[in-house]
């Protein structure tokens, strides 16, 4: 894997601002989920796994974390610079409210030239 990430002391790479050699660029905002799920994957591990992705579909597969799902929540802003769709995504990732074994994702597509902002709370 080839990536660069701003790292806070005691945190895994991928939980701030990062990019990889496949053209993925992303940033993370922490969101406090009302429902936390023990035994699920911590958001720090899921966002670290994003650093290995090579395309948009692969990124959504990692965020979904099928078979386990997220233990807590965050907002991920990402794009692949070489993707022909030229789309930017804001994804609110949270534990599944139905206790499914995958993350709950709320995906917002932001086309080129559009504006978006997200603060440390759920918008959707």
Protein backbone atom coordinates (compact mmCIF):
# COMPACT_ATOMS: atom_id res chain seq x y z
CA UNK A 1 0.00 0.00 0.00
CA UNK A 2 1.14 3.52 -0.79
CA UNK A 3 -0.64 6.35 1.03
CA UNK A 4 -0.12 9.54 2.97
CA UNK A 5 -2.19 10.46 6.02
CA UNK A 6 -2.20 13.10 8.71
CA UNK A 7 -2.09 11.04 11.91
CA UNK A 8 -3.07 12.03 15.42
CA UNK A 9 -1.08 10.46 18.25
CA UNK A 10 -2.61 7.10 19.17
CA UNK A 11 -4.81 6.88 16.05
CA UNK A 12 -4.48 4.73 12.95
CA UNK A 13 -3.68 6.37 9.61
CA UNK A 14 -6.88 7.15 7.72
CA UNK A 15 -8.81 8.85 10.48
CA UNK A 16 -8.11 12.42 9.40
CA UNK A 17 -7.09 13.55 5.90
CA UNK A 18 -5.53 11.01 3.57
CA UNK A 19 -4.78 10.04 -0.02
CA UNK A 20 -3.48 6.94 -1.74
CA UNK A 21 -1.69 6.09 -4.99
CA UNK A 22 -5.00 5.13 -6.66
CA UNK A 23 -6.18 8.76 -6.55
CA UNK A 24 -8.42 8.43 -3.50
CA UNK A 25 -8.58 11.60 -1.40
CA UNK A 26 -10.68 11.74 1.76
CA UNK A 27 -11.28 13.41 5.09
CA UNK A 28 -13.16 12.26 8.17
CA UNK A 29 -15.50 14.02 10.60
CA UNK A 30 -16.48 12.27 13.82
CA UNK A 31 -20.21 11.88 14.45
CA UNK A 32 -21.61 10.66 17.76
CA UNK A 33 -24.08 7.86 17.16
CA UNK A 34 -26.97 7.37 19.59
CA UNK A 35 -26.72 3.62 19.18
CA UNK A 36 -23.28 2.07 19.55
CA UNK A 37 -22.78 -1.59 18.71
CA UNK A 38 -20.32 -3.68 20.68
CA UNK A 39 -18.63 -6.46 18.75
CA UNK A 40 -18.70 -4.45 15.52
CA UNK A 41 -15.82 -2.79 13.63
CA UNK A 42 -14.56 0.52 15.09
CA UNK A 43 -14.69 3.44 12.64
CA UNK A 44 -10.89 3.85 12.92
CA UNK A 45 -10.37 0.39 11.40
CA UNK A 46 -12.89 0.95 8.60
CA UNK A 47 -11.37 4.27 7.56
CA UNK A 48 -7.87 2.74 7.71
CA UNK A 49 -9.09 0.05 5.30
CA UNK A 50 -10.17 2.81 2.88
CA UNK A 51 -6.49 3.53 2.24
CA UNK A 52 -6.24 0.26 0.29
CA UNK A 53 -9.18 0.94 -2.05
CA UNK A 54 -8.68 1.55 -5.75
CA UNK A 55 -12.13 2.70 -6.95
CA UNK A 56 -15.51 4.01 -5.78
CA UNK A 57 -17.19 0.60 -5.64
CA UNK A 58 -14.34 -0.77 -3.55
CA UNK A 59 -14.65 2.20 -1.17
CA UNK A 60 -18.38 1.57 -0.67
CA UNK A 61 -17.65 -2.13 -0.08
CA UNK A 62 -15.17 -1.24 2.69
CA UNK A 63 -17.56 1.26 4.30
CA UNK A 64 -20.44 -1.24 4.22
CA UNK A 65 -18.24 -3.76 6.10
CA UNK A 66 -20.57 -6.65 5.18
CA UNK A 67 -20.60 -9.45 7.71
CA UNK A 68 -19.84 -7.19 10.68
CA UNK A 69 -20.72 -3.48 10.28
CA UNK A 70 -19.66 -0.30 12.02
CA UNK A 71 -19.59 0.01 15.81
CA UNK A 72 -19.83 3.81 15.77
CA UNK A 73 -20.33 6.68 13.31
CA UNK A 74 -18.41 9.14 11.16
CA UNK A 75 -18.78 11.23 8.04
CA UNK A 76 -16.42 10.52 5.14
CA UNK A 77 -15.82 13.01 2.33
CA UNK A 78 -14.07 11.34 -0.61
CA UNK A 79 -13.37 11.26 -4.31
CA UNK A 80 -11.15 9.38 -6.72
CA UNK A 81 -9.31 11.94 -8.80
CA UNK A 82 -9.08 9.73 -11.89
CA UNK A 83 -12.68 8.51 -11.81
CA UNK A 84 -14.50 9.41 -15.07
CA UNK A 85 -17.69 10.18 -13.09
CA UNK A 86 -15.85 13.15 -11.49
CA UNK A 87 -18.07 12.81 -8.41
CA UNK A 88 -17.43 13.77 -4.81
CA UNK A 89 -19.19 11.79 -2.06
CA UNK A 90 -20.23 12.55 1.49
CA UNK A 91 -21.06 9.34 3.34
CA UNK A 92 -22.57 9.22 6.81
CA UNK A 93 -21.58 5.81 8.16
CA UNK A 94 -23.30 4.51 11.29
CA UNK A 95 -24.15 1.27 13.07
CA UNK A 96 -27.16 -0.47 11.56
CA UNK A 97 -30.36 0.54 13.38
CA UNK A 98 -31.87 -2.85 12.43
CA UNK A 99 -28.85 -4.71 13.90
CA UNK A 100 -27.85 -5.96 10.44
CA UNK A 101 -24.31 -7.21 10.03
CA UNK A 102 -23.27 -4.24 7.91
CA UNK A 103 -22.88 -0.50 8.29
CA UNK A 104 -25.75 1.88 7.59
CA UNK A 105 -24.63 4.29 4.85
CA UNK A 106 -26.28 7.54 3.82
CA UNK A 107 -24.59 8.62 0.58
CA UNK A 108 -24.75 12.11 -0.89
CA UNK A 109 -23.29 12.65 -4.36
CA UNK A 110 -21.85 16.10 -5.02
CA UNK A 111 -21.19 16.71 -8.74
CA UNK A 112 -18.28 18.80 -10.01
CA UNK A 113 -18.92 22.51 -9.51
CA UNK A 114 -21.44 22.00 -6.68
CA UNK A 115 -20.90 22.95 -3.05
CA UNK A 116 -21.31 20.84 0.06
CA UNK A 117 -20.62 21.18 3.76
CA UNK A 118 -20.94 18.76 6.66
CA UNK A 119 -20.44 19.36 10.35
CA UNK A 120 -20.01 16.88 13.19
CA UNK A 121 -23.64 15.76 13.32
CA UNK A 122 -25.96 13.73 11.13
CA UNK A 123 -27.50 15.68 8.24
CA UNK A 124 -29.46 12.76 6.78
